[in-house]
């Protein structure tokens, strides 16, 4: 039987999602926990591989279950073996053809940016931070230039392994909630560091160093060297992936749809 899981995690102490030799990754601890439930090794795949320091509200994971277990065992049993910063939220059986990555129709990221003169303490590792005042209206105007199908080479990391830099961005929005600026992105897929690089460019617009039209110029130029530095990973959240209803995954998840803004206020 193939099982799909919804997993949330605080990425602050992990070296990203993908398994590495040193073992300090979300995939490593999750596979260890699932293997304890199954009493045999289990390998997983995910919807979106997050970098070091990046969090997830509902990472979708699949694995082939080598033994029959109640669905509750894949949730509660796995959680009993996971560190406090990782939790399985749900488990559902899926068709053998399902793949967390390749079956996804789109993916969503959110960046939380604390915009005040003093750095965060309680929110350290959970929000990005910029000390100078930012013009959210200008940032939102700049973000509009990102929506559509483009070659995103300008916002692509040098080590990116994607076959093509062409992606379709369905949504790019910027809103302010007191001291917190929330940036939302939805696309068919994302390049390595793409969101953090877009955030870095939009911050340059917000502080007045560049005009909103500069974002469009960056896209057209396809030159990473002309763009802003990659922004800090701390405020980045993989919100979730979207799938056709036929796969039978939960349609609405509180962790996917709502990240309580009030929890991140100064």
C-alpha atoms as a PDB file:
ATOM      1  CA  UNK A   1       0.000   0.000   0.000  1.00  0.00           C
ATOM      2  CA  UNK A   2       1.186   3.525  -0.763  1.00  0.00           C
ATOM      3  CA  UNK A   3       0.629   6.108   1.971  1.00  0.00           C
ATOM      4  CA  UNK A   4       0.628   9.918   1.769  1.00  0.00           C
ATOM      5  CA  UNK A   5       1.431  11.996   4.847  1.00  0.00           C
ATOM      6  CA  UNK A   6       1.029  15.657   5.781  1.00  0.00           C
ATOM      7  CA  UNK A   7       4.058  16.746   7.791  1.00  0.00           C
ATOM      8  CA  UNK A   8       4.869  20.016   9.522  1.00  0.00           C
ATOM      9  CA  UNK A   9       8.297  20.989  10.791  1.00  0.00           C
ATOM     10  CA  UNK A  10      10.437  23.747  12.194  1.00  0.00           C
ATOM     11  CA  UNK A  11      13.459  23.792   9.916  1.00  0.00           C
ATOM     12  CA  UNK A  12      15.628  25.955  12.189  1.00  0.00           C
ATOM     13  CA  UNK A  13      17.864  23.130  13.378  1.00  0.00           C
ATOM     14  CA  UNK A  14      17.816  20.991  10.229  1.00  0.00           C
ATOM     15  CA  UNK A  15      20.076  21.040   7.166  1.00  0.00           C
ATOM     16  CA  UNK A  16      16.995  20.992   4.943  1.00  0.00           C
ATOM     17  CA  UNK A  17      14.641  18.236   3.859  1.00  0.00           C
ATOM     18  CA  UNK A  18      16.848  16.007   1.717  1.00  0.00           C
ATOM     19  CA  UNK A  19      18.759  13.132   3.319  1.00  0.00           C
ATOM     20  CA  UNK A  20      22.487  13.738   3.824  1.00  0.00           C
ATOM     21  CA  UNK A  21      25.425  11.740   5.138  1.00  0.00           C
ATOM     22  CA  UNK A  22      25.480  13.529   8.505  1.00  0.00           C
ATOM     23  CA  UNK A  23      21.784  12.694   9.009  1.00  0.00           C
ATOM     24  CA  UNK A  24      20.650  16.106  10.272  1.00  0.00           C
ATOM     25  CA  UNK A  25      17.698  16.445   7.877  1.00  0.00           C
ATOM     26  CA  UNK A  26      13.925  16.198   8.091  1.00  0.00           C
ATOM     27  CA  UNK A  27      13.868  13.262   5.680  1.00  0.00           C
ATOM     28  CA  UNK A  28      16.328  11.349   7.846  1.00  0.00           C
ATOM     29  CA  UNK A  29      14.382  11.723  11.095  1.00  0.00           C
ATOM     30  CA  UNK A  30      11.050  11.007   9.377  1.00  0.00           C
ATOM     31  CA  UNK A  31      12.324   7.854   7.682  1.00  0.00           C
ATOM     32  CA  UNK A  32      13.796   6.690  10.978  1.00  0.00           C
ATOM     33  CA  UNK A  33      10.440   7.206  12.727  1.00  0.00           C
ATOM     34  CA  UNK A  34       8.440   5.447   9.994  1.00  0.00           C
ATOM     35  CA  UNK A  35      10.931   2.578   9.956  1.00  0.00           C
ATOM     36  CA  UNK A  36      10.379   2.097  13.688  1.00  0.00           C
ATOM     37  CA  UNK A  37       6.636   1.776  13.064  1.00  0.00           C
ATOM     38  CA  UNK A  38       7.144  -0.660  10.184  1.00  0.00           C
ATOM     39  CA  UNK A  39      10.031  -2.540  11.840  1.00  0.00           C
ATOM     40  CA  UNK A  40      11.863  -2.318   8.507  1.00  0.00           C
ATOM     41  CA  UNK A  41      13.475   0.418   6.393  1.00  0.00           C
ATOM     42  CA  UNK A  42      11.217   2.971   4.676  1.00  0.00           C
ATOM     43  CA  UNK A  43      12.145   5.545   2.041  1.00  0.00           C
ATOM     44  CA  UNK A  44      10.106   8.663   1.348  1.00  0.00           C
ATOM     45  CA  UNK A  45       9.541  11.284  -1.347  1.00  0.00           C
ATOM     46  CA  UNK A  46       8.206  14.803  -0.817  1.00  0.00           C
ATOM     47  CA  UNK A  47       6.362  17.565  -2.671  1.00  0.00           C
ATOM     48  CA  UNK A  48       9.039  20.229  -2.246  1.00  0.00           C
ATOM     49  CA  UNK A  49      12.589  19.863  -0.948  1.00  0.00           C
ATOM     50  CA  UNK A  50      13.188  22.693   1.508  1.00  0.00           C
ATOM     51  CA  UNK A  51      16.595  24.203   2.293  1.00  0.00           C
ATOM     52  CA  UNK A  52      18.379  24.545   5.617  1.00  0.00           C
ATOM     53  CA  UNK A  53      16.382  26.721   8.006  1.00  0.00           C
ATOM     54  CA  UNK A  54      13.163  26.600   5.961  1.00  0.00           C
ATOM     55  CA  UNK A  55       9.945  25.483   7.651  1.00  0.00           C
ATOM     56  CA  UNK A  56       6.894  23.555   6.393  1.00  0.00           C
ATOM     57  CA  UNK A  57       3.239  23.858   7.351  1.00  0.00           C
ATOM     58  CA  UNK A  58       2.110  20.869   5.301  1.00  0.00           C
ATOM     59  CA  UNK A  59       4.845  19.043   3.481  1.00  0.00           C
ATOM     60  CA  UNK A  60       3.270  16.196   1.508  1.00  0.00           C
ATOM     61  CA  UNK A  61       5.206  12.942   1.681  1.00  0.00           C
ATOM     62  CA  UNK A  62       4.625   9.515   0.138  1.00  0.00           C
ATOM     63  CA  UNK A  63       6.079   6.082   0.870  1.00  0.00           C
ATOM     64  CA  UNK A  64       5.374   2.450   0.059  1.00  0.00           C
ATOM     65  CA  UNK A  65       4.227   0.724   3.222  1.00  0.00           C
ATOM     66  CA  UNK A  66       5.942  -2.687   3.415  1.00  0.00           C
ATOM     67  CA  UNK A  67       3.525  -3.937   6.067  1.00  0.00           C
ATOM     68  CA  UNK A  68      -0.092  -3.293   7.034  1.00  0.00           C
ATOM     69  CA  UNK A  69      -0.562  -0.832   9.862  1.00  0.00           C
ATOM     70  CA  UNK A  70      -3.605   1.245  10.884  1.00  0.00           C
ATOM     71  CA  UNK A  71      -3.414   4.759   9.481  1.00  0.00           C
ATOM     72  CA  UNK A  72      -3.319   6.050  13.043  1.00  0.00           C
ATOM     73  CA  UNK A  73      -0.080   4.141  13.576  1.00  0.00           C
ATOM     74  CA  UNK A  74       1.642   6.072  10.784  1.00  0.00           C
ATOM     75  CA  UNK A  75       0.617   9.283  12.569  1.00  0.00           C
ATOM     76  CA  UNK A  76       0.860   8.598  16.291  1.00  0.00           C
ATOM     77  CA  UNK A  77       3.521   5.927  16.007  1.00  0.00           C
ATOM     78  CA  UNK A  78       5.763   8.071  13.853  1.00  0.00           C
ATOM     79  CA  UNK A  79       5.250  11.103  16.102  1.00  0.00           C
ATOM     80  CA  UNK A  80       6.365   9.056  19.098  1.00  0.00           C
ATOM     81  CA  UNK A  81       9.755   8.639  17.414  1.00  0.00           C
ATOM     82  CA  UNK A  82      10.095  12.148  15.961  1.00  0.00           C
ATOM     83  CA  UNK A  83      11.788  15.147  17.590  1.00  0.00           C
ATOM     84  CA  UNK A  84       9.462  17.868  18.940  1.00  0.00           C
ATOM     85  CA  UNK A  85      10.074  20.059  15.880  1.00  0.00           C
ATOM     86  CA  UNK A  86       8.589  17.536  13.404  1.00  0.00           C
ATOM     87  CA  UNK A  87       5.055  16.134  13.416  1.00  0.00           C
ATOM     88  CA  UNK A  88       2.963  13.973  11.093  1.00  0.00           C
ATOM     89  CA  UNK A  89      -0.498  15.563  10.903  1.00  0.00           C
ATOM     90  CA  UNK A  90      -2.393  13.070   8.742  1.00  0.00           C
ATOM     91  CA  UNK A  91      -2.028   9.851   6.758  1.00  0.00           C
ATOM     92  CA  UNK A  92      -4.170   8.590   3.876  1.00  0.00           C
ATOM     93  CA  UNK A  93      -3.847   5.668   1.449  1.00  0.00           C
ATOM     94  CA  UNK A  94      -3.234   6.690  -2.162  1.00  0.00           C
ATOM     95  CA  UNK A  95      -3.068   4.971  -5.538  1.00  0.00           C
ATOM     96  CA  UNK A  96       0.214   3.370  -6.528  1.00  0.00           C
ATOM     97  CA  UNK A  97       0.631   5.996  -9.255  1.00  0.00           C
ATOM     98  CA  UNK A  98       0.674   8.866  -6.756  1.00  0.00           C
ATOM     99  CA  UNK A  99       3.927  10.773  -6.319  1.00  0.00           C
ATOM    100  CA  UNK A 100       4.153  13.665  -3.845  1.00  0.00           C
ATOM    101  CA  UNK A 101       6.337  15.673  -6.221  1.00  0.00           C
ATOM    102  CA  UNK A 102       5.236  14.743  -9.713  1.00  0.00           C
ATOM    103  CA  UNK A 103       1.485  14.565  -8.966  1.00  0.00           C
ATOM    104  CA  UNK A 104       1.408  18.098  -7.528  1.00  0.00           C
ATOM    105  CA  UNK A 105      -0.170  20.759  -9.755  1.00  0.00           C
ATOM    106  CA  UNK A 106       1.227  23.721  -7.814  1.00  0.00           C
ATOM    107  CA  UNK A 107       3.154  24.650  -4.697  1.00  0.00           C
ATOM    108  CA  UNK A 108       2.846  27.532  -2.240  1.00  0.00           C
ATOM    109  CA  UNK A 109       5.404  29.399  -0.158  1.00  0.00           C
ATOM    110  CA  UNK A 110       5.005  32.166   2.404  1.00  0.00           C
ATOM    111  CA  UNK A 111       7.672  34.518   3.706  1.00  0.00           C
ATOM    112  CA  UNK A 112       7.204  36.299   7.036  1.00  0.00           C
ATOM    113  CA  UNK A 113       9.292  39.464   7.276  1.00  0.00           C
ATOM    114  CA  UNK A 114       9.464  41.433  10.522  1.00  0.00           C
ATOM    115  CA  UNK A 115       9.916  45.101   9.612  1.00  0.00           C
ATOM    116  CA  UNK A 116      10.987  47.084  12.653  1.00  0.00           C
ATOM    117  CA  UNK A 117      14.158  48.698  13.952  1.00  0.00           C
ATOM    118  CA  UNK A 118      14.909  46.007  16.551  1.00  0.00           C
ATOM    119  CA  UNK A 119      15.720  42.407  15.661  1.00  0.00           C
ATOM    120  CA  UNK A 120      13.360  39.632  16.841  1.00  0.00           C
ATOM    121  CA  UNK A 121      14.020  37.540  19.925  1.00  0.00           C
ATOM    122  CA  UNK A 122      10.992  35.296  20.563  1.00  0.00           C
ATOM    123  CA  UNK A 123      10.459  34.985  16.797  1.00  0.00           C
ATOM    124  CA  UNK A 124      14.124  34.357  16.046  1.00  0.00           C
ATOM    125  CA  UNK A 125      14.423  31.686  13.372  1.00  0.00           C
ATOM    126  CA  UNK A 126      10.710  31.979  12.535  1.00  0.00           C
ATOM    127  CA  UNK A 127      10.697  35.331  10.725  1.00  0.00           C
ATOM    128  CA  UNK A 128      13.036  37.264   8.499  1.00  0.00           C
ATOM    129  CA  UNK A 129      13.979  40.769   9.625  1.00  0.00           C
ATOM    130  CA  UNK A 130      14.682  44.118   7.984  1.00  0.00           C
ATOM    131  CA  UNK A 131      15.419  47.164  10.123  1.00  0.00           C
ATOM    132  CA  UNK A 132      14.603  50.061   7.761  1.00  0.00           C
ATOM    133  CA  UNK A 133      11.024  51.086   6.870  1.00  0.00           C
ATOM    134  CA  UNK A 134       9.683  49.295   3.792  1.00  0.00           C
ATOM    135  CA  UNK A 135       7.121  50.592   1.299  1.00  0.00           C
ATOM    136  CA  UNK A 136       4.713  47.654   0.969  1.00  0.00           C
ATOM    137  CA  UNK A 137       2.755  49.297  -1.859  1.00  0.00           C
ATOM    138  CA  UNK A 138       5.939  49.513  -3.939  1.00  0.00           C
ATOM    139  CA  UNK A 139       6.811  45.912  -3.104  1.00  0.00           C
ATOM    140  CA  UNK A 140       3.346  44.752  -4.130  1.00  0.00           C
ATOM    141  CA  UNK A 141       3.655  46.660  -7.408  1.00  0.00           C
ATOM    142  CA  UNK A 142       7.022  45.020  -8.028  1.00  0.00           C
ATOM    143  CA  UNK A 143       5.618  41.573  -7.239  1.00  0.00           C
ATOM    144  CA  UNK A 144       3.050  41.941 -10.034  1.00  0.00           C
ATOM    145  CA  UNK A 145       5.906  41.784 -12.555  1.00  0.00           C
ATOM    146  CA  UNK A 146       6.655  38.238 -11.383  1.00  0.00           C
ATOM    147  CA  UNK A 147       3.223  36.773 -12.130  1.00  0.00           C
ATOM    148  CA  UNK A 148       3.102  34.746 -15.341  1.00  0.00           C
ATOM    149  CA  UNK A 149       5.294  32.252 -17.171  1.00  0.00           C
ATOM    150  CA  UNK A 150       8.883  33.457 -17.374  1.00  0.00           C
ATOM    151  CA  UNK A 151      12.497  32.366 -17.426  1.00  0.00           C
ATOM    152  CA  UNK A 152      13.433  32.878 -13.757  1.00  0.00           C
ATOM    153  CA  UNK A 153      17.194  32.520 -14.255  1.00  0.00           C
ATOM    154  CA  UNK A 154      17.698  35.836 -12.410  1.00  0.00           C
ATOM    155  CA  UNK A 155      16.241  34.283  -9.264  1.00  0.00           C
ATOM    156  CA  UNK A 156      17.889  30.880  -9.596  1.00  0.00           C
ATOM    157  CA  UNK A 157      20.721  29.599  -7.396  1.00  0.00           C
ATOM    158  CA  UNK A 158      23.926  28.601  -9.171  1.00  0.00           C
ATOM    159  CA  UNK A 159      23.626  25.042  -7.813  1.00  0.00           C
ATOM    160  CA  UNK A 160      19.999  24.633  -8.972  1.00  0.00           C
ATOM    161  CA  UNK A 161      19.469  21.264 -10.679  1.00  0.00           C
ATOM    162  CA  UNK A 162      16.132  22.008 -12.374  1.00  0.00           C
ATOM    163  CA  UNK A 163      16.068  21.076 -16.049  1.00  0.00           C
ATOM    164  CA  UNK A 164      14.443  24.356 -17.067  1.00  0.00           C
ATOM    165  CA  UNK A 165      14.381  27.853 -15.494  1.00  0.00           C
ATOM    166  CA  UNK A 166      10.948  28.504 -16.998  1.00  0.00           C
ATOM    167  CA  UNK A 167       8.201  28.431 -14.347  1.00  0.00           C
ATOM    168  CA  UNK A 168       4.665  29.791 -14.102  1.00  0.00           C
ATOM    169  CA  UNK A 169       4.062  31.968 -11.069  1.00  0.00           C
ATOM    170  CA  UNK A 170       0.325  32.096 -10.330  1.00  0.00           C
ATOM    171  CA  UNK A 171       0.494  34.465  -7.389  1.00  0.00           C
ATOM    172  CA  UNK A 172       2.914  36.965  -5.840  1.00  0.00           C
ATOM    173  CA  UNK A 173       1.425  39.217  -3.161  1.00  0.00           C
ATOM    174  CA  UNK A 174       2.771  41.487  -0.423  1.00  0.00           C
ATOM    175  CA  UNK A 175       0.681  42.672   2.542  1.00  0.00           C
ATOM    176  CA  UNK A 176       1.433  44.344   5.865  1.00  0.00           C
ATOM    177  CA  UNK A 177       0.051  43.352   9.272  1.00  0.00           C
ATOM    178  CA  UNK A 178       1.445  45.926  11.706  1.00  0.00           C
ATOM    179  CA  UNK A 179       5.194  45.167  11.902  1.00  0.00           C
ATOM    180  CA  UNK A 180       4.871  41.971   9.877  1.00  0.00           C
ATOM    181  CA  UNK A 181       5.076  41.873   6.082  1.00  0.00           C
ATOM    182  CA  UNK A 182       3.689  38.708   4.518  1.00  0.00           C
ATOM    183  CA  UNK A 183       4.811  37.666   1.032  1.00  0.00           C
ATOM    184  CA  UNK A 184       2.831  34.882  -0.674  1.00  0.00           C
ATOM    185  CA  UNK A 185       3.936  32.923  -3.744  1.00  0.00           C
ATOM    186  CA  UNK A 186       2.207  30.175  -5.722  1.00  0.00           C
ATOM    187  CA  UNK A 187       3.687  28.479  -8.797  1.00  0.00           C
ATOM    188  CA  UNK A 188       3.649  25.244 -10.724  1.00  0.00           C
ATOM    189  CA  UNK A 189       7.173  24.690  -9.373  1.00  0.00           C
ATOM    190  CA  UNK A 190      10.039  26.683  -7.875  1.00  0.00           C
ATOM    191  CA  UNK A 191      13.754  26.858  -8.575  1.00  0.00           C
ATOM    192  CA  UNK A 192      16.411  26.509  -5.882  1.00  0.00           C
ATOM    193  CA  UNK A 193      16.426  29.712  -3.752  1.00  0.00           C
ATOM    194  CA  UNK A 194      13.845  31.275  -6.088  1.00  0.00           C
ATOM    195  CA  UNK A 195      11.558  32.576  -3.334  1.00  0.00           C
ATOM    196  CA  UNK A 196      14.372  33.928  -1.161  1.00  0.00           C
ATOM    197  CA  UNK A 197      15.905  35.646  -4.175  1.00  0.00           C
ATOM    198  CA  UNK A 198      12.575  37.241  -5.110  1.00  0.00           C
ATOM    199  CA  UNK A 199      12.122  38.411  -1.521  1.00  0.00           C
ATOM    200  CA  UNK A 200      15.598  39.959  -1.583  1.00  0.00           C
ATOM    201  CA  UNK A 201      14.766  41.891  -4.758  1.00  0.00           C
ATOM    202  CA  UNK A 202      11.416  43.074  -3.394  1.00  0.00           C
ATOM    203  CA  UNK A 203      13.093  44.325  -0.209  1.00  0.00           C
ATOM    204  CA  UNK A 204      15.395  46.437  -2.398  1.00  0.00           C
ATOM    205  CA  UNK A 205      12.266  47.933  -3.966  1.00  0.00           C
ATOM    206  CA  UNK A 206      10.643  48.434  -0.571  1.00  0.00           C
ATOM    207  CA  UNK A 207      13.558  50.383   0.875  1.00  0.00           C
ATOM    208  CA  UNK A 208      13.584  52.683  -2.153  1.00  0.00           C
ATOM    209  CA  UNK A 209      16.810  51.501  -3.782  1.00  0.00           C
ATOM    210  CA  UNK A 210      14.955  50.420  -6.912  1.00  0.00           C
ATOM    211  CA  UNK A 211      11.618  51.061  -8.597  1.00  0.00           C
ATOM    212  CA  UNK A 212       8.920  48.383  -8.916  1.00  0.00           C
ATOM    213  CA  UNK A 213       9.702  48.201 -12.658  1.00  0.00           C
ATOM    214  CA  UNK A 214      13.196  46.955 -11.788  1.00  0.00           C
ATOM    215  CA  UNK A 215      11.702  43.531 -11.025  1.00  0.00           C
ATOM    216  CA  UNK A 216      10.537  43.200 -14.629  1.00  0.00           C
ATOM    217  CA  UNK A 217      13.938  44.344 -15.850  1.00  0.00           C
ATOM    218  CA  UNK A 218      15.625  41.678 -13.733  1.00  0.00           C
ATOM    219  CA  UNK A 219      13.412  38.976 -15.201  1.00  0.00           C
ATOM    220  CA  UNK A 220      14.160  40.095 -18.751  1.00  0.00           C
ATOM    221  CA  UNK A 221      17.898  40.332 -18.058  1.00  0.00           C
ATOM    222  CA  UNK A 222      18.231  36.696 -16.904  1.00  0.00           C
ATOM    223  CA  UNK A 223      21.377  37.579 -14.961  1.00  0.00           C
ATOM    224  CA  UNK A 224      21.595  36.492 -11.327  1.00  0.00           C
ATOM    225  CA  UNK A 225      24.576  38.820 -10.755  1.00  0.00           C
ATOM    226  CA  UNK A 226      22.371  41.887 -11.325  1.00  0.00           C
ATOM    227  CA  UNK A 227      19.842  40.976  -8.627  1.00  0.00           C
ATOM    228  CA  UNK A 228      19.797  41.419  -4.850  1.00  0.00           C
ATOM    229  CA  UNK A 229      21.437  38.965  -2.422  1.00  0.00           C
ATOM    230  CA  UNK A 230      19.540  35.855  -1.337  1.00  0.00           C
ATOM    231  CA  UNK A 231      17.382  36.689   1.685  1.00  0.00           C
ATOM    232  CA  UNK A 232      17.587  34.857   5.019  1.00  0.00           C
ATOM    233  CA  UNK A 233      15.856  31.461   5.194  1.00  0.00           C
ATOM    234  CA  UNK A 234      14.365  32.022   8.660  1.00  0.00           C
ATOM    235  CA  UNK A 235      11.038  33.483   7.513  1.00  0.00           C
ATOM    236  CA  UNK A 236      10.345  31.030   4.698  1.00  0.00           C
ATOM    237  CA  UNK A 237       7.548  28.456   4.969  1.00  0.00           C
ATOM    238  CA  UNK A 238       6.573  25.752   2.503  1.00  0.00           C
ATOM    239  CA  UNK A 239       2.808  26.156   2.873  1.00  0.00           C
ATOM    240  CA  UNK A 240       1.811  23.100   0.865  1.00  0.00           C
ATOM    241  CA  UNK A 241       1.171  21.545  -2.531  1.00  0.00           C
ATOM    242  CA  UNK A 242      -2.043  21.295  -4.532  1.00  0.00           C
ATOM    243  CA  UNK A 243      -3.333  18.060  -6.089  1.00  0.00           C
ATOM    244  CA  UNK A 244      -6.266  16.915  -8.188  1.00  0.00           C
ATOM    245  CA  UNK A 245      -9.212  15.866  -6.020  1.00  0.00           C
ATOM    246  CA  UNK A 246      -9.047  12.360  -7.452  1.00  0.00           C
ATOM    247  CA  UNK A 247      -6.027  11.518  -5.316  1.00  0.00           C
ATOM    248  CA  UNK A 248      -8.171  11.763  -2.179  1.00  0.00           C
ATOM    249  CA  UNK A 249      -5.860  13.962  -0.120  1.00  0.00           C
ATOM    250  CA  UNK A 250      -7.322  16.297   2.534  1.00  0.00           C
ATOM    251  CA  UNK A 251      -8.686  19.348   0.747  1.00  0.00           C
ATOM    252  CA  UNK A 252      -8.326  21.854   3.555  1.00  0.00           C
ATOM    253  CA  UNK A 253      -5.781  21.766   6.321  1.00  0.00           C
ATOM    254  CA  UNK A 254      -5.696  24.469   8.988  1.00  0.00           C
ATOM    255  CA  UNK A 255      -1.930  24.493   8.800  1.00  0.00           C
ATOM    256  CA  UNK A 256      -2.041  24.999   5.048  1.00  0.00           C
ATOM    257  CA  UNK A 257      -4.701  27.670   4.813  1.00  0.00           C
ATOM    258  CA  UNK A 258      -4.006  29.694   7.944  1.00  0.00           C
ATOM    259  CA  UNK A 259      -0.805  30.778   9.616  1.00  0.00           C
ATOM    260  CA  UNK A 260      -1.970  32.940  12.473  1.00  0.00           C
ATOM    261  CA  UNK A 261      -0.527  36.373  11.819  1.00  0.00           C
ATOM    262  CA  UNK A 262      -1.156  37.391  15.434  1.00  0.00           C
ATOM    263  CA  UNK A 263       1.395  34.827  16.592  1.00  0.00           C
ATOM    264  CA  UNK A 264       4.126  36.753  14.822  1.00  0.00           C
ATOM    265  CA  UNK A 265       3.320  40.267  15.930  1.00  0.00           C
ATOM    266  CA  UNK A 266       5.819  42.358  17.845  1.00  0.00           C
END
